[in-house]
Every structure is written in C-alpha cells, then in structure tokens.
C-alpha cells in the first residue's frame, strides 16, 4: 500500500520528483527533475567525452533512477563503443511503486524499464551497459570496494542537514581513493561545510552549474582537470565558522551523532573567538 506521506510531484520539464517524509524534502528541483540530472551531473562530469574501453560511474543516491537514466540515454545517443559500468547506492527499497507510475512517452521508457528490472534484481546488463544497485547504508559498500576506479561520481544524496553521513570529510576521502586521476565528482550542493569537507579530504573544488532556482553546485577532482575556486573564495570558506564540516569516525556514526558533534564544534569555535 502506498504511503500517502511519500508522493510524486510534477516538475516543469514534465517529469516527476518524489517527496519523502523521512527527509522532509523532494529529490529534485521543481524546475525539472530529469533536466537536473543532465545539467548538474551528466554534462559537467565530462563522462560522455571519455575515450576508454571501460567507463566506471558511481551514482550516489539512486532515488528514482534519473541520473542513471540520463547517463544511459545520452551514452546511447552518442553511440559510445565503450563498456559502461554503473554502480549506484540507494538506501530505500520501496521506491519501485513510484517508479512504476513514471512514463516518458519516448525512447527513455525502454531504458527505464531496464532500470526498474535492475531495481528489483540488483544487477543487469543491456548491450554494452551494466548496472548494479546496492541497497543499504552506502558507506558500508564504499569501505569494501576494491580494484575499481570510478571515472565520474554523481554525488546526489539528500541534503547534508538531512543525510550528513554521506557528506563528511571521511566520506569524501573514501570517494577520493576510489576515483581515477581524471575523474570529476558532481553535486548540487555548494554549502561551505561541504566544500570544506572536500578540501580537507584532499580534493580540488570548482563551481558547478546552477539549475532553475537552485544556486550553483560544486564539481571536484583529485587532479587539476577542473577550474578551481580562486584563493579568495577558498579563504572565505575556511574562515567561515559555519563551514565546520561533518565528521564520521570509521564511516559508521549515526546521523544524529554526526549532526550533534558538528554543532558542538561550532559552539566551541565561537567560544574560542569570544575569548
């Protein structure tokens, strides 16, 4: 039975997003859910321009599958000859009931049917594309991953204040270790505490595109293949008392602990300034 507290919402590009009560927010911008996937993740990641035998992509926060759908659709349109390997992390297992209600009325429906099949089975292939969806706490999967280097990371969990366990310094350090030198991470967030977490994890950060009414996002990489923020902006981030990042010892702390300890550090920082 459908939980009426979780529901689909139409967006301006004709596609739907999903509001989830647990996080008290929708998954996408109301300016266009599918458009957001293209403009925030697929295009700025540069993954469609890679010339490699195998392209590995990590999609953090599968949700309704739009990032994966947009990637596969654009990949097929470009007639890429590479093998595309997508691994997606998702906590929720009940979203299929909402996915079944979504129609695009074009060639994307065939791809989305494949994605829905994988949502049920966990893994599947179509032509030169393989998709695997790992359900549960994504941190546990990341800690166990070996012998893989991702060429792009779509960082798309719920917002940091609602889902801090996927935005910590330790989380981004783990992501850094799993990416290729030329990989680009894309995300909608431009919050100072997130950018500082990336910086402390050893990533180079730059501005990502803005979509709809949302402000600019962030792109990040372990090498200088992106245009970094200038020194003044970096200094402003590091000097901002509210930029104290989330920390997650052992990538195993509970959400409430991560939030509470960050607030404690901010309060202590303010006391130090007053003294």
C-alpha atoms as a PDB file:
ATOM      1  CA  UNK A   1       0.000   0.000   0.000  1.00  0.00           C
ATOM      2  CA  UNK A   2       1.339   3.425  -0.943  1.00  0.00           C
ATOM      3  CA  UNK A   3       2.330   5.667   1.940  1.00  0.00           C
ATOM      4  CA  UNK A   4       0.492   8.914   1.254  1.00  0.00           C
ATOM      5  CA  UNK A   5       3.203  10.817   3.108  1.00  0.00           C
ATOM      6  CA  UNK A   6       5.566   9.971   0.242  1.00  0.00           C
ATOM      7  CA  UNK A   7       4.285  11.227  -3.089  1.00  0.00           C
ATOM      8  CA  UNK A   8       5.231  12.208  -6.632  1.00  0.00           C
ATOM      9  CA  UNK A   9       5.327  15.886  -7.607  1.00  0.00           C
ATOM     10  CA  UNK A  10       5.275  17.123 -11.227  1.00  0.00           C
ATOM     11  CA  UNK A  11       8.137  19.411 -12.289  1.00  0.00           C
ATOM     12  CA  UNK A  12       8.478  21.977 -15.057  1.00  0.00           C
ATOM     13  CA  UNK A  13      10.143  19.677 -17.608  1.00  0.00           C
ATOM     14  CA  UNK A  14       7.224  17.224 -17.482  1.00  0.00           C
ATOM     15  CA  UNK A  15       8.961  14.663 -15.266  1.00  0.00           C
ATOM     16  CA  UNK A  16       8.115  13.899 -11.646  1.00  0.00           C
ATOM     17  CA  UNK A  17      10.124  14.066  -8.478  1.00  0.00           C
ATOM     18  CA  UNK A  18       9.411  12.301  -5.194  1.00  0.00           C
ATOM     19  CA  UNK A  19       8.807  13.858  -1.789  1.00  0.00           C
ATOM     20  CA  UNK A  20       9.957  11.631   1.079  1.00  0.00           C
ATOM     21  CA  UNK A  21       8.697  12.216   4.597  1.00  0.00           C
ATOM     22  CA  UNK A  22      11.847  10.863   6.284  1.00  0.00           C
ATOM     23  CA  UNK A  23      13.943  13.666   4.785  1.00  0.00           C
ATOM     24  CA  UNK A  24      11.113  16.232   4.568  1.00  0.00           C
ATOM     25  CA  UNK A  25      12.146  17.227   1.055  1.00  0.00           C
ATOM     26  CA  UNK A  26      11.796  16.346  -2.606  1.00  0.00           C
ATOM     27  CA  UNK A  27      14.543  14.621  -4.566  1.00  0.00           C
ATOM     28  CA  UNK A  28      14.829  17.235  -7.334  1.00  0.00           C
ATOM     29  CA  UNK A  29      14.285  20.851  -8.242  1.00  0.00           C
ATOM     30  CA  UNK A  30      10.764  21.774  -9.327  1.00  0.00           C
ATOM     31  CA  UNK A  31      12.321  23.403 -12.414  1.00  0.00           C
ATOM     32  CA  UNK A  32      12.824  19.949 -13.928  1.00  0.00           C
ATOM     33  CA  UNK A  33      13.772  16.646 -12.333  1.00  0.00           C
ATOM     34  CA  UNK A  34      15.264  14.990 -15.423  1.00  0.00           C
ATOM     35  CA  UNK A  35      16.821  18.256 -16.593  1.00  0.00           C
ATOM     36  CA  UNK A  36      18.597  18.488 -13.251  1.00  0.00           C
ATOM     37  CA  UNK A  37      20.258  15.123 -13.848  1.00  0.00           C
ATOM     38  CA  UNK A  38      21.569  16.265 -17.211  1.00  0.00           C
ATOM     39  CA  UNK A  39      22.720  19.730 -16.186  1.00  0.00           C
ATOM     40  CA  UNK A  40      24.008  19.011 -12.686  1.00  0.00           C
ATOM     41  CA  UNK A  41      25.639  15.645 -13.276  1.00  0.00           C
ATOM     42  CA  UNK A  42      25.882  14.141 -16.760  1.00  0.00           C
ATOM     43  CA  UNK A  43      27.244  17.097 -18.708  1.00  0.00           C
ATOM     44  CA  UNK A  44      29.599  18.661 -16.104  1.00  0.00           C
ATOM     45  CA  UNK A  45      31.091  15.248 -15.252  1.00  0.00           C
ATOM     46  CA  UNK A  46      32.563  15.033 -18.761  1.00  0.00           C
ATOM     47  CA  UNK A  47      31.919  11.306 -18.711  1.00  0.00           C
ATOM     48  CA  UNK A  48      30.368  11.306 -22.189  1.00  0.00           C
ATOM     49  CA  UNK A  49      33.613  12.628 -23.661  1.00  0.00           C
ATOM     50  CA  UNK A  50      35.848   9.929 -22.206  1.00  0.00           C
ATOM     51  CA  UNK A  51      37.647   7.657 -24.636  1.00  0.00           C
ATOM     52  CA  UNK A  52      38.238   4.420 -22.730  1.00  0.00           C
ATOM     53  CA  UNK A  53      37.470   0.740 -23.127  1.00  0.00           C
ATOM     54  CA  UNK A  54      35.600   0.716 -19.813  1.00  0.00           C
ATOM     55  CA  UNK A  55      33.943   3.692 -18.109  1.00  0.00           C
ATOM     56  CA  UNK A  56      33.031   3.303 -14.430  1.00  0.00           C
ATOM     57  CA  UNK A  57      30.454   5.614 -12.849  1.00  0.00           C
ATOM     58  CA  UNK A  58      29.342   5.829  -9.231  1.00  0.00           C
ATOM     59  CA  UNK A  59      25.827   7.199  -8.716  1.00  0.00           C
ATOM     60  CA  UNK A  60      25.334   8.044  -5.034  1.00  0.00           C
ATOM     61  CA  UNK A  61      21.640   8.341  -4.273  1.00  0.00           C
ATOM     62  CA  UNK A  62      19.850   6.342  -6.958  1.00  0.00           C
ATOM     63  CA  UNK A  63      16.418   7.697  -5.999  1.00  0.00           C
ATOM     64  CA  UNK A  64      14.057   7.337  -8.950  1.00  0.00           C
ATOM     65  CA  UNK A  65      16.969   6.492 -11.231  1.00  0.00           C
ATOM     66  CA  UNK A  66      17.050   9.696 -13.257  1.00  0.00           C
ATOM     67  CA  UNK A  67      20.830  10.145 -13.129  1.00  0.00           C
ATOM     68  CA  UNK A  68      21.315   6.603 -14.376  1.00  0.00           C
ATOM     69  CA  UNK A  69      18.567   7.008 -16.974  1.00  0.00           C
ATOM     70  CA  UNK A  70      20.003  10.278 -18.292  1.00  0.00           C
ATOM     71  CA  UNK A  71      23.504   8.793 -18.435  1.00  0.00           C
ATOM     72  CA  UNK A  72      22.423   5.673 -20.340  1.00  0.00           C
ATOM     73  CA  UNK A  73      20.203   7.653 -22.706  1.00  0.00           C
ATOM     74  CA  UNK A  74      22.935  10.165 -23.573  1.00  0.00           C
ATOM     75  CA  UNK A  75      25.519   7.382 -23.797  1.00  0.00           C
ATOM     76  CA  UNK A  76      23.379   5.549 -26.357  1.00  0.00           C
ATOM     77  CA  UNK A  77      22.674   8.756 -28.307  1.00  0.00           C
ATOM     78  CA  UNK A  78      26.417   9.326 -28.677  1.00  0.00           C
ATOM     79  CA  UNK A  79      26.787   5.688 -29.803  1.00  0.00           C
ATOM     80  CA  UNK A  80      29.656   5.200 -27.426  1.00  0.00           C
ATOM     81  CA  UNK A  81      31.620   1.998 -28.062  1.00  0.00           C
ATOM     82  CA  UNK A  82      32.998   1.827 -24.528  1.00  0.00           C
ATOM     83  CA  UNK A  83      31.639  -0.558 -21.928  1.00  0.00           C
ATOM     84  CA  UNK A  84      29.712   1.455 -19.343  1.00  0.00           C
ATOM     85  CA  UNK A  85      29.673   0.129 -15.791  1.00  0.00           C
ATOM     86  CA  UNK A  86      27.362   1.933 -13.346  1.00  0.00           C
ATOM     87  CA  UNK A  87      27.233   1.246  -9.617  1.00  0.00           C
ATOM     88  CA  UNK A  88      24.507   3.053  -7.710  1.00  0.00           C
ATOM     89  CA  UNK A  89      23.997   3.352  -3.961  1.00  0.00           C
ATOM     90  CA  UNK A  90      20.499   3.620  -2.531  1.00  0.00           C
ATOM     91  CA  UNK A  91      19.137   3.291   0.990  1.00  0.00           C
ATOM     92  CA  UNK A  92      15.449   2.950   0.122  1.00  0.00           C
ATOM     93  CA  UNK A  93      13.981  -0.281  -1.277  1.00  0.00           C
ATOM     94  CA  UNK A  94      10.342   0.788  -1.603  1.00  0.00           C
ATOM     95  CA  UNK A  95      10.641   3.273  -4.467  1.00  0.00           C
ATOM     96  CA  UNK A  96       9.588   0.867  -7.216  1.00  0.00           C
ATOM     97  CA  UNK A  97       5.917   1.639  -6.554  1.00  0.00           C
ATOM     98  CA  UNK A  98       6.576   5.249  -7.530  1.00  0.00           C
ATOM     99  CA  UNK A  99       8.862   4.347 -10.421  1.00  0.00           C
ATOM    100  CA  UNK A 100       6.063   2.239 -11.924  1.00  0.00           C
ATOM    101  CA  UNK A 101       3.926   5.369 -12.241  1.00  0.00           C
ATOM    102  CA  UNK A 102       6.533   7.292 -14.253  1.00  0.00           C
ATOM    103  CA  UNK A 103       6.287   7.453 -18.054  1.00  0.00           C
ATOM    104  CA  UNK A 104       8.317   9.487 -20.539  1.00  0.00           C
ATOM    105  CA  UNK A 105       6.402   8.517 -23.715  1.00  0.00           C
ATOM    106  CA  UNK A 106       9.605   8.281 -25.761  1.00  0.00           C
ATOM    107  CA  UNK A 107      12.641   6.019 -26.118  1.00  0.00           C
ATOM    108  CA  UNK A 108      13.560   6.624 -22.485  1.00  0.00           C
ATOM    109  CA  UNK A 109      10.742   4.288 -21.423  1.00  0.00           C
ATOM    110  CA  UNK A 110      12.619   1.236 -22.726  1.00  0.00           C
ATOM    111  CA  UNK A 111      15.721   2.226 -20.782  1.00  0.00           C
ATOM    112  CA  UNK A 112      13.652   2.965 -17.692  1.00  0.00           C
ATOM    113  CA  UNK A 113      12.041  -0.471 -17.900  1.00  0.00           C
ATOM    114  CA  UNK A 114      15.539  -1.966 -17.815  1.00  0.00           C
ATOM    115  CA  UNK A 115      16.397   0.205 -14.807  1.00  0.00           C
ATOM    116  CA  UNK A 116      13.248  -0.929 -12.994  1.00  0.00           C
ATOM    117  CA  UNK A 117      14.150  -4.557 -13.625  1.00  0.00           C
ATOM    118  CA  UNK A 118      17.574  -3.950 -12.084  1.00  0.00           C
ATOM    119  CA  UNK A 119      15.933  -2.209  -9.123  1.00  0.00           C
ATOM    120  CA  UNK A 120      14.132  -5.487  -8.434  1.00  0.00           C
ATOM    121  CA  UNK A 121      17.035  -7.852  -9.124  1.00  0.00           C
ATOM    122  CA  UNK A 122      20.052  -5.782  -8.080  1.00  0.00           C
ATOM    123  CA  UNK A 123      22.088  -6.170 -11.268  1.00  0.00           C
ATOM    124  CA  UNK A 124      21.576  -6.384 -15.021  1.00  0.00           C
ATOM    125  CA  UNK A 125      23.064  -5.660 -18.439  1.00  0.00           C
ATOM    126  CA  UNK A 126      21.810  -4.240 -21.713  1.00  0.00           C
ATOM    127  CA  UNK A 127      24.131  -4.164 -24.748  1.00  0.00           C
ATOM    128  CA  UNK A 128      27.455  -2.729 -23.515  1.00  0.00           C
ATOM    129  CA  UNK A 129      25.991  -1.305 -20.303  1.00  0.00           C
ATOM    130  CA  UNK A 130      25.974  -2.908 -16.851  1.00  0.00           C
ATOM    131  CA  UNK A 131      24.050  -1.522 -13.887  1.00  0.00           C
ATOM    132  CA  UNK A 132      24.268  -2.631 -10.268  1.00  0.00           C
ATOM    133  CA  UNK A 133      22.224  -1.098  -7.446  1.00  0.00           C
ATOM    134  CA  UNK A 134      23.489  -1.654  -3.901  1.00  0.00           C
ATOM    135  CA  UNK A 135      20.792  -1.201  -1.271  1.00  0.00           C
ATOM    136  CA  UNK A 136      21.540  -0.171   2.299  1.00  0.00           C
ATOM    137  CA  UNK A 137      23.999   2.152   4.025  1.00  0.00           C
ATOM    138  CA  UNK A 138      26.223   3.273   1.164  1.00  0.00           C
ATOM    139  CA  UNK A 139      29.182   3.816   3.485  1.00  0.00           C
ATOM    140  CA  UNK A 140      29.420   0.081   4.135  1.00  0.00           C
ATOM    141  CA  UNK A 141      29.696  -0.672   0.423  1.00  0.00           C
ATOM    142  CA  UNK A 142      32.271   2.051  -0.192  1.00  0.00           C
ATOM    143  CA  UNK A 143      34.523   0.738   2.577  1.00  0.00           C
ATOM    144  CA  UNK A 144      34.550  -2.692   0.928  1.00  0.00           C
ATOM    145  CA  UNK A 145      35.120  -1.617  -2.673  1.00  0.00           C
ATOM    146  CA  UNK A 146      38.439  -2.652  -4.156  1.00  0.00           C
ATOM    147  CA  UNK A 147      40.120  -2.805  -7.553  1.00  0.00           C
ATOM    148  CA  UNK A 148      37.819  -0.219  -9.111  1.00  0.00           C
ATOM    149  CA  UNK A 149      38.485   3.397 -10.069  1.00  0.00           C
ATOM    150  CA  UNK A 150      35.462   5.497 -10.944  1.00  0.00           C
ATOM    151  CA  UNK A 151      35.668   7.930 -13.853  1.00  0.00           C
ATOM    152  CA  UNK A 152      32.758  10.020 -12.548  1.00  0.00           C
ATOM    153  CA  UNK A 153      30.825  10.324  -9.293  1.00  0.00           C
ATOM    154  CA  UNK A 154      27.305  11.737  -9.162  1.00  0.00           C
ATOM    155  CA  UNK A 155      27.043  12.914  -5.544  1.00  0.00           C
ATOM    156  CA  UNK A 156      23.271  13.118  -5.173  1.00  0.00           C
ATOM    157  CA  UNK A 157      22.068  12.043  -1.717  1.00  0.00           C
ATOM    158  CA  UNK A 158      19.514  14.069   0.207  1.00  0.00           C
ATOM    159  CA  UNK A 159      20.725  17.390   1.588  1.00  0.00           C
ATOM    160  CA  UNK A 160      23.614  17.465   4.068  1.00  0.00           C
ATOM    161  CA  UNK A 161      21.429  18.505   7.000  1.00  0.00           C
ATOM    162  CA  UNK A 162      19.117  15.539   6.355  1.00  0.00           C
ATOM    163  CA  UNK A 163      21.703  12.963   5.224  1.00  0.00           C
ATOM    164  CA  UNK A 164      25.053  14.067   6.802  1.00  0.00           C
ATOM    165  CA  UNK A 165      26.538  10.572   6.783  1.00  0.00           C
ATOM    166  CA  UNK A 166      27.040  10.911   3.014  1.00  0.00           C
ATOM    167  CA  UNK A 167      28.762  14.319   3.204  1.00  0.00           C
ATOM    168  CA  UNK A 168      31.573  14.004   5.753  1.00  0.00           C
ATOM    169  CA  UNK A 169      35.321  14.575   5.417  1.00  0.00           C
ATOM    170  CA  UNK A 170      35.855  10.835   5.833  1.00  0.00           C
ATOM    171  CA  UNK A 171      33.250  10.069   3.188  1.00  0.00           C
ATOM    172  CA  UNK A 172      34.926  12.302   0.596  1.00  0.00           C
ATOM    173  CA  UNK A 173      38.349  10.880   1.488  1.00  0.00           C
ATOM    174  CA  UNK A 174      36.941   7.423   0.746  1.00  0.00           C
ATOM    175  CA  UNK A 175      35.473   8.652  -2.544  1.00  0.00           C
ATOM    176  CA  UNK A 176      38.821  10.205  -3.471  1.00  0.00           C
ATOM    177  CA  UNK A 177      40.555   6.855  -3.021  1.00  0.00           C
ATOM    178  CA  UNK A 178      38.030   5.226  -5.361  1.00  0.00           C
ATOM    179  CA  UNK A 179      38.354   7.673  -8.247  1.00  0.00           C
ATOM    180  CA  UNK A 180      40.664   7.866 -11.239  1.00  0.00           C
ATOM    181  CA  UNK A 181      43.038  10.822 -11.585  1.00  0.00           C
ATOM    182  CA  UNK A 182      40.833  12.360 -14.286  1.00  0.00           C
ATOM    183  CA  UNK A 183      37.519  11.697 -12.517  1.00  0.00           C
ATOM    184  CA  UNK A 184      35.091  14.513 -11.736  1.00  0.00           C
ATOM    185  CA  UNK A 185      32.621  14.478  -8.866  1.00  0.00           C
ATOM    186  CA  UNK A 186      29.437  16.486  -9.412  1.00  0.00           C
ATOM    187  CA  UNK A 187      26.924  17.647  -6.834  1.00  0.00           C
ATOM    188  CA  UNK A 188      24.128  20.150  -6.392  1.00  0.00           C
ATOM    189  CA  UNK A 189      25.467  21.378  -3.038  1.00  0.00           C
ATOM    190  CA  UNK A 190      27.603  24.484  -2.703  1.00  0.00           C
ATOM    191  CA  UNK A 191      27.351  24.735   1.091  1.00  0.00           C
ATOM    192  CA  UNK A 192      30.569  25.902   2.711  1.00  0.00           C
ATOM    193  CA  UNK A 193      30.707  22.940   5.084  1.00  0.00           C
ATOM    194  CA  UNK A 194      30.525  20.550   2.115  1.00  0.00           C
ATOM    195  CA  UNK A 195      33.173  22.365   0.127  1.00  0.00           C
ATOM    196  CA  UNK A 196      35.411  22.444   3.186  1.00  0.00           C
ATOM    197  CA  UNK A 197      34.869  18.707   3.712  1.00  0.00           C
ATOM    198  CA  UNK A 198      36.016  18.112   0.138  1.00  0.00           C
ATOM    199  CA  UNK A 199      39.052  20.368   0.625  1.00  0.00           C
ATOM    200  CA  UNK A 200      40.043  18.626   3.859  1.00  0.00           C
ATOM    201  CA  UNK A 201      39.681  15.287   2.061  1.00  0.00           C
ATOM    202  CA  UNK A 202      42.294  16.481  -0.449  1.00  0.00           C
ATOM    203  CA  UNK A 203      40.021  17.303  -3.375  1.00  0.00           C
ATOM    204  CA  UNK A 204      40.247  20.324  -5.674  1.00  0.00           C
ATOM    205  CA  UNK A 205      36.887  22.090  -5.932  1.00  0.00           C
ATOM    206  CA  UNK A 206      35.238  24.294  -8.525  1.00  0.00           C
ATOM    207  CA  UNK A 207      31.853  25.791  -9.325  1.00  0.00           C
ATOM    208  CA  UNK A 208      29.178  23.599 -10.826  1.00  0.00           C
ATOM    209  CA  UNK A 209      26.229  24.880 -12.852  1.00  0.00           C
ATOM    210  CA  UNK A 210      23.082  26.339 -11.321  1.00  0.00           C
ATOM    211  CA  UNK A 211      19.758  24.816 -12.351  1.00  0.00           C
ATOM    212  CA  UNK A 212      16.391  26.508 -12.011  1.00  0.00           C
ATOM    213  CA  UNK A 213      16.155  28.420  -8.766  1.00  0.00           C
ATOM    214  CA  UNK A 214      18.968  26.444  -7.164  1.00  0.00           C
ATOM    215  CA  UNK A 215      22.309  28.177  -6.748  1.00  0.00           C
ATOM    216  CA  UNK A 216      25.483  26.849  -8.281  1.00  0.00           C
ATOM    217  CA  UNK A 217      26.606  23.336  -7.489  1.00  0.00           C
ATOM    218  CA  UNK A 218      30.118  22.036  -6.947  1.00  0.00           C
ATOM    219  CA  UNK A 219      32.496  19.939  -9.008  1.00  0.00           C
ATOM    220  CA  UNK A 220      35.563  18.284  -7.522  1.00  0.00           C
ATOM    221  CA  UNK A 221      38.549  16.252  -8.621  1.00  0.00           C
ATOM    222  CA  UNK A 222      41.807  14.903  -7.210  1.00  0.00           C
ATOM    223  CA  UNK A 223      43.774  16.469 -10.079  1.00  0.00           C
ATOM    224  CA  UNK A 224      43.839  19.843 -11.832  1.00  0.00           C
ATOM    225  CA  UNK A 225      41.454  18.992 -14.652  1.00  0.00           C
ATOM    226  CA  UNK A 226      38.798  21.397 -13.379  1.00  0.00           C
ATOM    227  CA  UNK A 227      38.952  25.162 -12.917  1.00  0.00           C
ATOM    228  CA  UNK A 228      39.345  25.602  -9.152  1.00  0.00           C
ATOM    229  CA  UNK A 229      37.740  28.250  -6.996  1.00  0.00           C
ATOM    230  CA  UNK A 230      40.005  31.242  -6.563  1.00  0.00           C
ATOM    231  CA  UNK A 231      42.058  31.763  -3.425  1.00  0.00           C
ATOM    232  CA  UNK A 232      39.699  34.393  -2.037  1.00  0.00           C
ATOM    233  CA  UNK A 233      36.701  32.064  -2.194  1.00  0.00           C
ATOM    234  CA  UNK A 234      38.703  29.246  -0.639  1.00  0.00           C
ATOM    235  CA  UNK A 235      39.804  31.558   2.194  1.00  0.00           C
ATOM    236  CA  UNK A 236      36.217  32.653   2.797  1.00  0.00           C
ATOM    237  CA  UNK A 237      35.149  29.019   3.105  1.00  0.00           C
ATOM    238  CA  UNK A 238      37.938  28.121   5.530  1.00  0.00           C
ATOM    239  CA  UNK A 239      37.394  31.280   7.634  1.00  0.00           C
ATOM    240  CA  UNK A 240      33.639  30.830   7.944  1.00  0.00           C
ATOM    241  CA  UNK A 241      32.793  29.491  11.448  1.00  0.00           C
ATOM    242  CA  UNK A 242      29.739  27.756   9.992  1.00  0.00           C
ATOM    243  CA  UNK A 243      31.876  25.859   7.494  1.00  0.00           C
ATOM    244  CA  UNK A 244      32.824  23.292  10.146  1.00  0.00           C
ATOM    245  CA  UNK A 245      32.402  20.044   8.171  1.00  0.00           C
ATOM    246  CA  UNK A 246      30.652  16.845   9.149  1.00  0.00           C
ATOM    247  CA  UNK A 247      32.941  14.187  10.582  1.00  0.00           C
ATOM    248  CA  UNK A 248      32.184  10.495  10.703  1.00  0.00           C
ATOM    249  CA  UNK A 249      34.655   8.304  12.594  1.00  0.00           C
ATOM    250  CA  UNK A 250      35.098   4.972  10.851  1.00  0.00           C
ATOM    251  CA  UNK A 251      32.302   5.907   8.444  1.00  0.00           C
ATOM    252  CA  UNK A 252      29.957   4.338  10.967  1.00  0.00           C
ATOM    253  CA  UNK A 253      28.464   7.057  13.152  1.00  0.00           C
ATOM    254  CA  UNK A 254      24.715   7.565  13.434  1.00  0.00           C
ATOM    255  CA  UNK A 255      23.120  10.528  11.720  1.00  0.00           C
ATOM    256  CA  UNK A 256      22.170  12.210  14.993  1.00  0.00           C
ATOM    257  CA  UNK A 257      25.732  11.871  16.319  1.00  0.00           C
ATOM    258  CA  UNK A 258      27.236  13.448  13.224  1.00  0.00           C
ATOM    259  CA  UNK A 259      24.871  16.415  13.420  1.00  0.00           C
ATOM    260  CA  UNK A 260      25.242  16.852  17.187  1.00  0.00           C
ATOM    261  CA  UNK A 261      29.047  16.693  17.222  1.00  0.00           C
ATOM    262  CA  UNK A 262      29.300  19.233  14.404  1.00  0.00           C
ATOM    263  CA  UNK A 263      27.113  21.685  16.354  1.00  0.00           C
ATOM    264  CA  UNK A 264      29.283  21.149  19.430  1.00  0.00           C
ATOM    265  CA  UNK A 265      32.421  22.005  17.442  1.00  0.00           C
ATOM    266  CA  UNK A 266      30.780  25.149  16.042  1.00  0.00           C
ATOM    267  CA  UNK A 267      29.815  26.273  19.567  1.00  0.00           C
ATOM    268  CA  UNK A 268      33.336  25.623  20.832  1.00  0.00           C
ATOM    269  CA  UNK A 269      34.748  27.601  17.932  1.00  0.00           C
ATOM    270  CA  UNK A 270      32.537  30.565  18.785  1.00  0.00           C
ATOM    271  CA  UNK A 271      33.627  30.438  22.422  1.00  0.00           C
ATOM    272  CA  UNK A 272      37.272  30.463  21.364  1.00  0.00           C
ATOM    273  CA  UNK A 273      36.673  33.563  19.224  1.00  0.00           C
ATOM    274  CA  UNK A 274      34.918  35.362  22.106  1.00  0.00           C
ATOM    275  CA  UNK A 275      37.759  34.597  24.486  1.00  0.00           C
END
